[in-house]
Amino acid sequence: MRIDISYKNITPDKPLEVFIEEKIGGLERYINDGPIFAKVEMGLPSRHHRSGPVFYAEVNLSIGSKLLRANCQHEDLRNAIVDAKNELRRQIKDFKEKKKDLTRRAK
């Protein structure tokens, strides 16, 4: 799995990159078909957000020609990343079930 990480209005640090690679890279065990590419964008929506530091994490996961996307906002950046990972895991499960159901149809 190839992971591309980008930041908006925050400074990148190595422990955060390791955390992202661990969480988002862990989704690879649920997928076993096609090349996998993940684009992760995280940061603050603006520098002058009035309701406190609200971070967002957006993950676009490409599985072959299929694109899965998750957006999550949270007061803690790491929790936003975990929420996005959980949403993608649910989408992967639904995608695999749909694919399985299509192969079970009578011909």
PDB file of N, CA and C in Angstrom:
ATOM      1  N   MET A   1       0.853  -1.177   0.000  1.00  0.00           N
ATOM      2  CA  MET A   1       0.000   0.000   0.000  1.00  0.00           C
ATOM      3  C   MET A   1       0.896   1.235   0.000  1.00  0.00           C
ATOM      4  N   ARG A   2       0.568   2.150  -0.882  1.00  0.00           N
ATOM      5  CA  ARG A   2       1.291   3.420  -0.936  1.00  0.00           C
ATOM      6  C   ARG A   2       0.429   4.489  -0.285  1.00  0.00           C
ATOM      7  N   ILE A   3       1.014   5.249   0.638  1.00  0.00           N
ATOM      8  CA  ILE A   3       0.280   6.279   1.363  1.00  0.00           C
ATOM      9  C   ILE A   3       0.928   7.628   1.098  1.00  0.00           C
ATOM     10  N   ASP A   4       0.124   8.580   0.620  1.00  0.00           N
ATOM     11  CA  ASP A   4       0.574   9.945   0.375  1.00  0.00           C
ATOM     12  C   ASP A   4      -0.068  10.832   1.442  1.00  0.00           C
ATOM     13  N   ILE A   5       0.743  11.525   2.232  1.00  0.00           N
ATOM     14  CA  ILE A   5       0.249  12.328   3.345  1.00  0.00           C
ATOM     15  C   ILE A   5       0.467  13.797   3.048  1.00  0.00           C
ATOM     16  N   SER A   6      -0.590  14.611   3.236  1.00  0.00           N
ATOM     17  CA  SER A   6      -0.462  16.057   3.077  1.00  0.00           C
ATOM     18  C   SER A   6      -1.097  16.745   4.279  1.00  0.00           C
ATOM     19  N   TYR A   7      -0.589  17.927   4.586  1.00  0.00           N
ATOM     20  CA  TYR A   7      -1.012  18.678   5.765  1.00  0.00           C
ATOM     21  C   TYR A   7      -1.530  20.046   5.335  1.00  0.00           C
ATOM     22  N   LYS A   8      -2.480  20.575   6.107  1.00  0.00           N
ATOM     23  CA  LYS A   8      -2.997  21.914   5.844  1.00  0.00           C
ATOM     24  C   LYS A   8      -3.066  22.666   7.176  1.00  0.00           C
ATOM     25  N   ASN A   9      -2.361  23.763   7.271  1.00  0.00           N
ATOM     26  CA  ASN A   9      -2.341  24.648   8.442  1.00  0.00           C
ATOM     27  C   ASN A   9      -1.805  23.994   9.715  1.00  0.00           C
ATOM     28  N   ILE A  10      -1.058  22.908   9.586  1.00  0.00           N
ATOM     29  CA  ILE A  10      -0.374  22.316  10.741  1.00  0.00           C
ATOM     30  C   ILE A  10       1.033  21.930  10.309  1.00  0.00           C
ATOM     31  N   THR A  11       1.903  21.737  11.281  1.00  0.00           N
ATOM     32  CA  THR A  11       3.268  21.340  10.971  1.00  0.00           C
ATOM     33  C   THR A  11       3.379  19.818  11.052  1.00  0.00           C
ATOM     34  N   PRO A  12       4.000  19.197  10.048  1.00  0.00           N
ATOM     35  CA  PRO A  12       4.152  17.741  10.073  1.00  0.00           C
ATOM     36  C   PRO A  12       5.210  17.310  11.083  1.00  0.00           C
ATOM     37  N   ASP A  13       5.004  16.131  11.661  1.00  0.00           N
ATOM     38  CA  ASP A  13       6.010  15.557  12.541  1.00  0.00           C
ATOM     39  C   ASP A  13       6.066  14.047  12.317  1.00  0.00           C
ATOM     40  N   LYS A  14       7.193  13.458  12.625  1.00  0.00           N
ATOM     41  CA  LYS A  14       7.438  12.041  12.343  1.00  0.00           C
ATOM     42  C   LYS A  14       6.519  11.105  13.127  1.00  0.00           C
ATOM     43  N   PRO A  15       6.249  11.330  14.438  1.00  0.00           N
ATOM     44  CA  PRO A  15       5.348  10.410  15.151  1.00  0.00           C
ATOM     45  C   PRO A  15       3.936  10.375  14.554  1.00  0.00           C
ATOM     46  N   LEU A  16       3.468  11.505  14.035  1.00  0.00           N
ATOM     47  CA  LEU A  16       2.150  11.539  13.408  1.00  0.00           C
ATOM     48  C   LEU A  16       2.152  10.737  12.113  1.00  0.00           C
ATOM     49  N   GLU A  17       3.221  10.825  11.341  1.00  0.00           N
ATOM     50  CA  GLU A  17       3.320  10.045  10.105  1.00  0.00           C
ATOM     51  C   GLU A  17       3.347   8.556  10.399  1.00  0.00           C
ATOM     52  N   VAL A  18       4.060   8.159  11.452  1.00  0.00           N
ATOM     53  CA  VAL A  18       4.108   6.747  11.844  1.00  0.00           C
ATOM     54  C   VAL A  18       2.721   6.272  12.271  1.00  0.00           C
ATOM     55  N   PHE A  19       1.991   7.111  13.007  1.00  0.00           N
ATOM     56  CA  PHE A  19       0.637   6.783  13.455  1.00  0.00           C
ATOM     57  C   PHE A  19      -0.289   6.582  12.252  1.00  0.00           C
ATOM     58  N   ILE A  20      -0.189   7.465  11.262  1.00  0.00           N
ATOM     59  CA  ILE A  20      -1.024   7.362  10.066  1.00  0.00           C
ATOM     60  C   ILE A  20      -0.696   6.095   9.288  1.00  0.00           C
ATOM     61  N   GLU A  21       0.582   5.814   9.105  1.00  0.00           N
ATOM     62  CA  GLU A  21       0.979   4.617   8.369  1.00  0.00           C
ATOM     63  C   GLU A  21       0.527   3.354   9.088  1.00  0.00           C
ATOM     64  N   GLU A  22       0.507   3.383  10.410  1.00  0.00           N
ATOM     65  CA  GLU A  22       0.058   2.231  11.181  1.00  0.00           C
ATOM     66  C   GLU A  22      -1.452   2.033  11.043  1.00  0.00           C
ATOM     67  N   LYS A  23      -2.219   3.109  11.189  1.00  0.00           N
ATOM     68  CA  LYS A  23      -3.675   3.002  11.154  1.00  0.00           C
ATOM     69  C   LYS A  23      -4.203   2.775   9.741  1.00  0.00           C
ATOM     70  N   ILE A  24      -3.817   3.620   8.804  1.00  0.00           N
ATOM     71  CA  ILE A  24      -4.326   3.506   7.440  1.00  0.00           C
ATOM     72  C   ILE A  24      -3.694   2.309   6.734  1.00  0.00           C
ATOM     73  N   GLY A  25      -2.428   2.044   6.988  1.00  0.00           N
ATOM     74  CA  GLY A  25      -1.764   0.872   6.403  1.00  0.00           C
ATOM     75  C   GLY A  25      -2.353  -0.428   6.901  1.00  0.00           C
ATOM     76  N   GLY A  26      -2.961  -0.425   8.095  1.00  0.00           N
ATOM     77  CA  GLY A  26      -3.595  -1.616   8.633  1.00  0.00           C
ATOM     78  C   GLY A  26      -4.836  -2.038   7.879  1.00  0.00           C
ATOM     79  N   LEU A  27      -5.381  -1.146   7.054  1.00  0.00           N
ATOM     80  CA  LEU A  27      -6.547  -1.491   6.244  1.00  0.00           C
ATOM     81  C   LEU A  27      -6.197  -2.464   5.123  1.00  0.00           C
ATOM     82  N   GLU A  28      -4.915  -2.596   4.831  1.00  0.00           N
ATOM     83  CA  GLU A  28      -4.478  -3.454   3.738  1.00  0.00           C
ATOM     84  C   GLU A  28      -4.841  -4.919   3.983  1.00  0.00           C
ATOM     85  N   ARG A  29      -4.946  -5.317   5.224  1.00  0.00           N
ATOM     86  CA  ARG A  29      -5.261  -6.724   5.510  1.00  0.00           C
ATOM     87  C   ARG A  29      -6.709  -7.074   5.152  1.00  0.00           C
ATOM     88  N   TYR A  30      -7.578  -6.073   4.998  1.00  0.00           N
ATOM     89  CA  TYR A  30      -8.964  -6.319   4.606  1.00  0.00           C
ATOM     90  C   TYR A  30      -9.131  -6.385   3.092  1.00  0.00           C
ATOM     91  N   ILE A  31      -8.110  -5.963   2.365  1.00  0.00           N
ATOM     92  CA  ILE A  31      -8.187  -5.868   0.910  1.00  0.00           C
ATOM     93  C   ILE A  31      -7.150  -6.807   0.310  1.00  0.00           C
ATOM     94  N   ASN A  32      -7.578  -7.618  -0.645  1.00  0.00           N
ATOM     95  CA  ASN A  32      -6.624  -8.529  -1.256  1.00  0.00           C
ATOM     96  C   ASN A  32      -6.720  -8.540  -2.774  1.00  0.00           C
ATOM     97  N   ASP A  33      -7.239  -7.470  -3.374  1.00  0.00           N
ATOM     98  CA  ASP A  33      -7.302  -7.431  -4.831  1.00  0.00           C
ATOM     99  C   ASP A  33      -6.899  -6.057  -5.352  1.00  0.00           C
ATOM    100  N   GLY A  34      -5.999  -6.073  -6.320  1.00  0.00           N
ATOM    101  CA  GLY A  34      -5.611  -4.850  -7.000  1.00  0.00           C
ATOM    102  C   GLY A  34      -4.606  -4.005  -6.236  1.00  0.00           C
ATOM    103  N   PRO A  35      -4.021  -3.047  -6.938  1.00  0.00           N
ATOM    104  CA  PRO A  35      -3.108  -2.115  -6.276  1.00  0.00           C
ATOM    105  C   PRO A  35      -3.889  -1.152  -5.372  1.00  0.00           C
ATOM    106  N   ILE A  36      -3.281  -0.813  -4.248  1.00  0.00           N
ATOM    107  CA  ILE A  36      -3.944   0.032  -3.251  1.00  0.00           C
ATOM    108  C   ILE A  36      -3.132   1.310  -3.077  1.00  0.00           C
ATOM    109  N   PHE A  37      -3.837   2.443  -3.113  1.00  0.00           N
ATOM    110  CA  PHE A  37      -3.206   3.740  -2.922  1.00  0.00           C
ATOM    111  C   PHE A  37      -4.086   4.578  -2.004  1.00  0.00           C
ATOM    112  N   ALA A  38      -3.477   5.181  -0.989  1.00  0.00           N
ATOM    113  CA  ALA A  38      -4.225   6.020  -0.047  1.00  0.00           C
ATOM    114  C   ALA A  38      -3.661   7.433  -0.065  1.00  0.00           C
ATOM    115  N   LYS A  39      -4.552   8.413  -0.144  1.00  0.00           N
ATOM    116  CA  LYS A  39      -4.163   9.819  -0.049  1.00  0.00           C
ATOM    117  C   LYS A  39      -4.813  10.370   1.214  1.00  0.00           C
ATOM    118  N   VAL A  40      -3.987  10.790   2.161  1.00  0.00           N
ATOM    119  CA  VAL A  40      -4.458  11.278   3.450  1.00  0.00           C
ATOM    120  C   VAL A  40      -4.175  12.768   3.527  1.00  0.00           C
ATOM    121  N   GLU A  41      -5.214  13.545   3.819  1.00  0.00           N
ATOM    122  CA  GLU A  41      -5.051  14.980   4.035  1.00  0.00           C
ATOM    123  C   GLU A  41      -5.607  15.304   5.414  1.00  0.00           C
ATOM    124  N   MET A  42      -4.835  16.046   6.187  1.00  0.00           N
ATOM    125  CA  MET A  42      -5.300  16.407   7.519  1.00  0.00           C
ATOM    126  C   MET A  42      -4.857  17.815   7.851  1.00  0.00           C
ATOM    127  N   GLY A  43      -5.558  18.396   8.822  1.00  0.00           N
ATOM    128  CA  GLY A  43      -5.179  19.734   9.240  1.00  0.00           C
ATOM    129  C   GLY A  43      -6.316  20.473   9.892  1.00  0.00           C
ATOM    130  N   LEU A  44      -6.167  21.786   9.909  1.00  0.00           N
ATOM    131  CA  LEU A  44      -7.193  22.681  10.430  1.00  0.00           C
ATOM    132  C   LEU A  44      -7.913  23.325   9.251  1.00  0.00           C
ATOM    133  N   PRO A  45      -9.246  23.477   9.327  1.00  0.00           N
ATOM    134  CA  PRO A  45      -9.956  24.113   8.219  1.00  0.00           C
ATOM    135  C   PRO A  45      -9.486  25.544   7.987  1.00  0.00           C
ATOM    136  N   SER A  46      -9.162  26.266   9.072  1.00  0.00           N
ATOM    137  CA  SER A  46      -8.636  27.619   8.960  1.00  0.00           C
ATOM    138  C   SER A  46      -7.838  27.939  10.217  1.00  0.00           C
ATOM    139  N   ARG A  47      -7.014  28.937  10.148  1.00  0.00           N
ATOM    140  CA  ARG A  47      -6.203  29.306  11.307  1.00  0.00           C
ATOM    141  C   ARG A  47      -6.997  30.094  12.337  1.00  0.00           C
ATOM    142  N   HIS A  48      -8.151  30.599  11.980  1.00  0.00           N
ATOM    143  CA  HIS A  48      -8.934  31.435  12.890  1.00  0.00           C
ATOM    144  C   HIS A  48     -10.293  30.807  13.205  1.00  0.00           C
ATOM    145  N   HIS A  49     -10.312  29.501  13.371  1.00  0.00           N
ATOM    146  CA  HIS A  49     -11.556  28.797  13.656  1.00  0.00           C
ATOM    147  C   HIS A  49     -12.077  29.223  15.024  1.00  0.00           C
ATOM    148  N   ARG A  50     -13.329  29.633  15.124  1.00  0.00           N
ATOM    149  CA  ARG A  50     -13.860  30.217  16.356  1.00  0.00           C
ATOM    150  C   ARG A  50     -14.241  29.200  17.421  1.00  0.00           C
ATOM    151  N   SER A  51     -14.564  27.992  17.047  1.00  0.00           N
ATOM    152  CA  SER A  51     -15.033  27.024  18.036  1.00  0.00           C
ATOM    153  C   SER A  51     -13.909  26.134  18.556  1.00  0.00           C
ATOM    154  N   GLY A  52     -12.714  26.629  18.606  1.00  0.00           N
ATOM    155  CA  GLY A  52     -11.606  25.856  19.144  1.00  0.00           C
ATOM    156  C   GLY A  52     -10.884  25.095  18.056  1.00  0.00           C
ATOM    157  N   PRO A  53      -9.888  24.358  18.440  1.00  0.00           N
ATOM    158  CA  PRO A  53      -9.108  23.610  17.448  1.00  0.00           C
ATOM    159  C   PRO A  53      -9.869  22.368  16.975  1.00  0.00           C
ATOM    160  N   VAL A  54     -10.494  22.466  15.823  1.00  0.00           N
ATOM    161  CA  VAL A  54     -11.204  21.341  15.235  1.00  0.00           C
ATOM    162  C   VAL A  54     -10.374  20.835  14.069  1.00  0.00           C
ATOM    163  N   PHE A  55      -9.860  19.631  14.194  1.00  0.00           N
ATOM    164  CA  PHE A  55      -9.034  19.030  13.161  1.00  0.00           C
ATOM    165  C   PHE A  55      -9.895  18.173  12.246  1.00  0.00           C
ATOM    166  N   TYR A  56      -9.428  17.993  11.028  1.00  0.00           N
ATOM    167  CA  TYR A  56     -10.123  17.101  10.110  1.00  0.00           C
ATOM    168  C   TYR A  56      -9.128  16.142   9.491  1.00  0.00           C
ATOM    169  N   ALA A  57      -9.623  14.989   9.109  1.00  0.00           N
ATOM    170  CA  ALA A  57      -8.842  13.992   8.388  1.00  0.00           C
ATOM    171  C   ALA A  57      -9.681  13.506   7.224  1.00  0.00           C
ATOM    172  N   GLU A  58      -9.103  13.526   6.048  1.00  0.00           N
ATOM    173  CA  GLU A  58      -9.776  13.062   4.844  1.00  0.00           C
ATOM    174  C   GLU A  58      -8.899  11.999   4.206  1.00  0.00           C
ATOM    175  N   VAL A  59      -9.483  10.848   3.933  1.00  0.00           N
ATOM    176  CA  VAL A  59      -8.732   9.737   3.352  1.00  0.00           C
ATOM    177  C   VAL A  59      -9.440   9.289   2.084  1.00  0.00           C
ATOM    178  N   ASN A  60      -8.696   9.255   0.986  1.00  0.00           N
ATOM    179  CA  ASN A  60      -9.179   8.712  -0.285  1.00  0.00           C
ATOM    180  C   ASN A  60      -8.407   7.426  -0.540  1.00  0.00           C
ATOM    181  N   LEU A  61      -9.126   6.310  -0.599  1.00  0.00           N
ATOM    182  CA  LEU A  61      -8.516   5.004  -0.767  1.00  0.00           C
ATOM    183  C   LEU A  61      -8.900   4.451  -2.129  1.00  0.00           C
ATOM    184  N   SER A  62      -7.899   4.218  -2.979  1.00  0.00           N
ATOM    185  CA  SER A  62      -8.140   3.672  -4.321  1.00  0.00           C
ATOM    186  C   SER A  62      -7.792   2.194  -4.312  1.00  0.00           C
ATOM    187  N   ILE A  63      -8.789   1.385  -4.649  1.00  0.00           N
ATOM    188  CA  ILE A  63      -8.601  -0.062  -4.762  1.00  0.00           C
ATOM    189  C   ILE A  63      -8.854  -0.408  -6.218  1.00  0.00           C
ATOM    190  N   GLY A  64      -7.793  -0.526  -6.983  1.00  0.00           N
ATOM    191  CA  GLY A  64      -7.961  -0.721  -8.423  1.00  0.00           C
ATOM    192  C   GLY A  64      -8.613   0.506  -9.028  1.00  0.00           C
ATOM    193  N   SER A  65      -9.837   0.345  -9.537  1.00  0.00           N
ATOM    194  CA  SER A  65     -10.562   1.483 -10.107  1.00  0.00           C
ATOM    195  C   SER A  65     -11.628   2.018  -9.157  1.00  0.00           C
ATOM    196  N   LYS A  66     -11.809   1.392  -8.005  1.00  0.00           N
ATOM    197  CA  LYS A  66     -12.816   1.803  -7.022  1.00  0.00           C
ATOM    198  C   LYS A  66     -12.207   2.830  -6.065  1.00  0.00           C
ATOM    199  N   LEU A  67     -12.973   3.884  -5.743  1.00  0.00           N
ATOM    200  CA  LEU A  67     -12.514   4.927  -4.831  1.00  0.00           C
ATOM    201  C   LEU A  67     -13.418   4.953  -3.607  1.00  0.00           C
ATOM    202  N   LEU A  68     -12.822   4.824  -2.435  1.00  0.00           N
ATOM    203  CA  LEU A  68     -13.541   4.936  -1.172  1.00  0.00           C
ATOM    204  C   LEU A  68     -13.035   6.189  -0.469  1.00  0.00           C
ATOM    205  N   ARG A  69     -13.952   6.918   0.162  1.00  0.00           N
ATOM    206  CA  ARG A  69     -13.575   8.199   0.759  1.00  0.00           C
ATOM    207  C   ARG A  69     -14.203   8.346   2.133  1.00  0.00           C
ATOM    208  N   ALA A  70     -13.421   8.904   3.070  1.00  0.00           N
ATOM    209  CA  ALA A  70     -13.922   9.151   4.425  1.00  0.00           C
ATOM    210  C   ALA A  70     -13.442  10.518   4.891  1.00  0.00           C
ATOM    211  N   ASN A  71     -14.364  11.299   5.466  1.00  0.00           N
ATOM    212  CA  ASN A  71     -14.065  12.593   6.084  1.00  0.00           C
ATOM    213  C   ASN A  71     -14.479  12.523   7.538  1.00  0.00           C
ATOM    214  N   CYS A  72     -13.635  12.991   8.437  1.00  0.00           N
ATOM    215  CA  CYS A  72     -13.986  13.028   9.851  1.00  0.00           C
ATOM    216  C   CYS A  72     -13.389  14.278  10.486  1.00  0.00           C
ATOM    217  N   GLN A  73     -14.147  14.852  11.434  1.00  0.00           N
ATOM    218  CA  GLN A  73     -13.668  16.005  12.188  1.00  0.00           C
ATOM    219  C   GLN A  73     -13.725  15.663  13.667  1.00  0.00           C
ATOM    220  N   HIS A  74     -12.728  16.157  14.408  1.00  0.00           N
ATOM    221  CA  HIS A  74     -12.664  15.893  15.836  1.00  0.00           C
ATOM    222  C   HIS A  74     -11.781  16.947  16.481  1.00  0.00           C
ATOM    223  N   GLU A  75     -11.891  17.067  17.795  1.00  0.00           N
ATOM    224  CA  GLU A  75     -11.039  18.013  18.514  1.00  0.00           C
ATOM    225  C   GLU A  75      -9.598  17.526  18.601  1.00  0.00           C
ATOM    226  N   ASP A  76      -9.388  16.225  18.473  1.00  0.00           N
ATOM    227  CA  ASP A  76      -8.046  15.645  18.501  1.00  0.00           C
ATOM    228  C   ASP A  76      -7.746  15.063  17.122  1.00  0.00           C
ATOM    229  N   LEU A  77      -6.575  15.368  16.587  1.00  0.00           N
ATOM    230  CA  LEU A  77      -6.221  14.929  15.250  1.00  0.00           C
ATOM    231  C   LEU A  77      -6.135  13.415  15.154  1.00  0.00           C
ATOM    232  N   ARG A  78      -5.579  12.773  16.155  1.00  0.00           N
ATOM    233  CA  ARG A  78      -5.446  11.313  16.135  1.00  0.00           C
ATOM    234  C   ARG A  78      -6.811  10.629  16.166  1.00  0.00           C
ATOM    235  N   ASN A  79      -7.751  11.188  16.913  1.00  0.00           N
ATOM    236  CA  ASN A  79      -9.101  10.618  16.932  1.00  0.00           C
ATOM    237  C   ASN A  79      -9.800  10.796  15.591  1.00  0.00           C
ATOM    238  N   ALA A  80      -9.540  11.899  14.912  1.00  0.00           N
ATOM    239  CA  ALA A  80     -10.108  12.098  13.577  1.00  0.00           C
ATOM    240  C   ALA A  80      -9.566  11.048  12.611  1.00  0.00           C
ATOM    241  N   ILE A  81      -8.286  10.708  12.724  1.00  0.00           N
ATOM    242  CA  ILE A  81      -7.676   9.695  11.865  1.00  0.00           C
ATOM    243  C   ILE A  81      -8.278   8.320  12.150  1.00  0.00           C
ATOM    244  N   VAL A  82      -8.465   7.995  13.429  1.00  0.00           N
ATOM    245  CA  VAL A  82      -9.054   6.708  13.802  1.00  0.00           C
ATOM    246  C   VAL A  82     -10.498   6.613  13.317  1.00  0.00           C
ATOM    247  N   ASP A  83     -11.261   7.703  13.432  1.00  0.00           N
ATOM    248  CA  ASP A  83     -12.642   7.706  12.946  1.00  0.00           C
ATOM    249  C   ASP A  83     -12.686   7.492  11.428  1.00  0.00           C
ATOM    250  N   ALA A  84     -11.764   8.115  10.695  1.00  0.00           N
ATOM    251  CA  ALA A  84     -11.702   7.932   9.244  1.00  0.00           C
ATOM    252  C   ALA A  84     -11.343   6.489   8.904  1.00  0.00           C
ATOM    253  N   LYS A  85     -10.438   5.897   9.657  1.00  0.00           N
ATOM    254  CA  LYS A  85     -10.058   4.501   9.432  1.00  0.00           C
ATOM    255  C   LYS A  85     -11.246   3.574   9.660  1.00  0.00           C
ATOM    256  N   ASN A  86     -12.015   3.825  10.726  1.00  0.00           N
ATOM    257  CA  ASN A  86     -13.186   2.994  11.007  1.00  0.00           C
ATOM    258  C   ASN A  86     -14.246   3.127   9.913  1.00  0.00           C
ATOM    259  N   GLU A  87     -14.427   4.333   9.397  1.00  0.00           N
ATOM    260  CA  GLU A  87     -15.382   4.549   8.315  1.00  0.00           C
ATOM    261  C   GLU A  87     -14.933   3.811   7.056  1.00  0.00           C
ATOM    262  N   LEU A  88     -13.646   3.855   6.741  1.00  0.00           N
ATOM    263  CA  LEU A  88     -13.138   3.144   5.568  1.00  0.00           C
ATOM    264  C   LEU A  88     -13.262   1.634   5.741  1.00  0.00           C
ATOM    265  N   ARG A  89     -13.027   1.150   6.938  1.00  0.00           N
ATOM    266  CA  ARG A  89     -13.165  -0.285   7.193  1.00  0.00           C
ATOM    267  C   ARG A  89     -14.610  -0.737   6.940  1.00  0.00           C
ATOM    268  N   ARG A  90     -15.581   0.087   7.351  1.00  0.00           N
ATOM    269  CA  ARG A  90     -16.982  -0.226   7.105  1.00  0.00           C
ATOM    270  C   ARG A  90     -17.277  -0.222   5.606  1.00  0.00           C
ATOM    271  N   GLN A  91     -16.734   0.763   4.884  1.00  0.00           N
ATOM    272  CA  GLN A  91     -16.958   0.844   3.446  1.00  0.00           C
ATOM    273  C   GLN A  91     -16.327  -0.338   2.709  1.00  0.00           C
ATOM    274  N   ILE A  92     -15.149  -0.764   3.154  1.00  0.00           N
ATOM    275  CA  ILE A  92     -14.480  -1.919   2.551  1.00  0.00           C
ATOM    276  C   ILE A  92     -15.324  -3.171   2.764  1.00  0.00           C
ATOM    277  N   LYS A  93     -15.869  -3.331   3.963  1.00  0.00           N
ATOM    278  CA  LYS A  93     -16.717  -4.480   4.258  1.00  0.00           C
ATOM    279  C   LYS A  93     -17.948  -4.485   3.356  1.00  0.00           C
ATOM    280  N   ASP A  94     -18.601  -3.328   3.196  1.00  0.00           N
ATOM    281  CA  ASP A  94     -19.764  -3.237   2.322  1.00  0.00           C
ATOM    282  C   ASP A  94     -19.396  -3.535   0.869  1.00  0.00           C
ATOM    283  N   PHE A  95     -18.244  -3.045   0.432  1.00  0.00           N
ATOM    284  CA  PHE A  95     -17.786  -3.270  -0.929  1.00  0.00           C
ATOM    285  C   PHE A  95     -17.543  -4.753  -1.186  1.00  0.00           C
ATOM    286  N   LYS A  96     -16.924  -5.433  -0.231  1.00  0.00           N
ATOM    287  CA  LYS A  96     -16.650  -6.860  -0.389  1.00  0.00           C
ATOM    288  C   LYS A  96     -17.936  -7.673  -0.380  1.00  0.00           C
ATOM    289  N   GLU A  97     -18.892  -7.298   0.473  1.00  0.00           N
ATOM    290  CA  GLU A  97     -20.179  -7.997   0.500  1.00  0.00           C
ATOM    291  C   GLU A  97     -20.931  -7.809  -0.817  1.00  0.00           C
ATOM    292  N   LYS A  98     -20.900  -6.607  -1.353  1.00  0.00           N
ATOM    293  CA  LYS A  98     -21.571  -6.337  -2.621  1.00  0.00           C
ATOM    294  C   LYS A  98     -20.934  -7.162  -3.734  1.00  0.00           C
ATOM    295  N   LYS A  99     -19.618  -7.237  -3.724  1.00  0.00           N
ATOM    296  CA  LYS A  99     -18.902  -8.001  -4.730  1.00  0.00           C
ATOM    297  C   LYS A  99     -19.229  -9.492  -4.611  1.00  0.00           C
ATOM    298  N   LYS A 100     -19.329  -9.969  -3.381  1.00  0.00           N
ATOM    299  CA  LYS A 100     -19.662 -11.370  -3.145  1.00  0.00           C
ATOM    300  C   LYS A 100     -21.082 -11.684  -3.597  1.00  0.00           C
ATOM    301  N   ASP A 101     -22.017 -10.769  -3.325  1.00  0.00           N
ATOM    302  CA  ASP A 101     -23.401 -10.967  -3.728  1.00  0.00           C
ATOM    303  C   ASP A 101     -23.548 -11.004  -5.246  1.00  0.00           C
ATOM    304  N   LEU A 102     -22.770 -10.208  -5.948  1.00  0.00           N
ATOM    305  CA  LEU A 102     -22.835 -10.200  -7.408  1.00  0.00           C
ATOM    306  C   LEU A 102     -22.364 -11.532  -7.985  1.00  0.00           C
ATOM    307  N   THR A 103     -21.393 -12.177  -7.352  1.00  0.00           N
ATOM    308  CA  THR A 103     -20.901 -13.465  -7.850  1.00  0.00           C
ATOM    309  C   THR A 103     -21.859 -14.594  -7.491  1.00  0.00           C
ATOM    310  N   ARG A 104     -22.720 -14.419  -6.504  1.00  0.00           N
ATOM    311  CA  ARG A 104     -23.657 -15.459  -6.093  1.00  0.00           C
ATOM    312  C   ARG A 104     -24.918 -15.485  -6.949  1.00  0.00           C
ATOM    313  N   ARG A 105     -25.157 -14.478  -7.748  1.00  0.00           N
ATOM    314  CA  ARG A 105     -26.360 -14.432  -8.563  1.00  0.00           C
ATOM    315  C   ARG A 105     -26.431 -15.600  -9.525  1.00  0.00           C
ATOM    316  N   ALA A 106     -27.635 -16.072  -9.753  1.00  0.00           N
ATOM    317  CA  ALA A 106     -27.835 -17.172 -10.687  1.00  0.00           C
ATOM    318  C   ALA A 106     -27.620 -16.679 -12.118  1.00  0.00           C
ATOM    319  N   LYS A 107     -27.091 -17.536 -12.946  1.00  0.00           N
ATOM    320  CA  LYS A 107     -26.809 -17.149 -14.329  1.00  0.00           C
ATOM    321  C   LYS A 107     -27.875 -17.597 -15.265  1.00  0.00           C
TER     322      LYS A 107
END
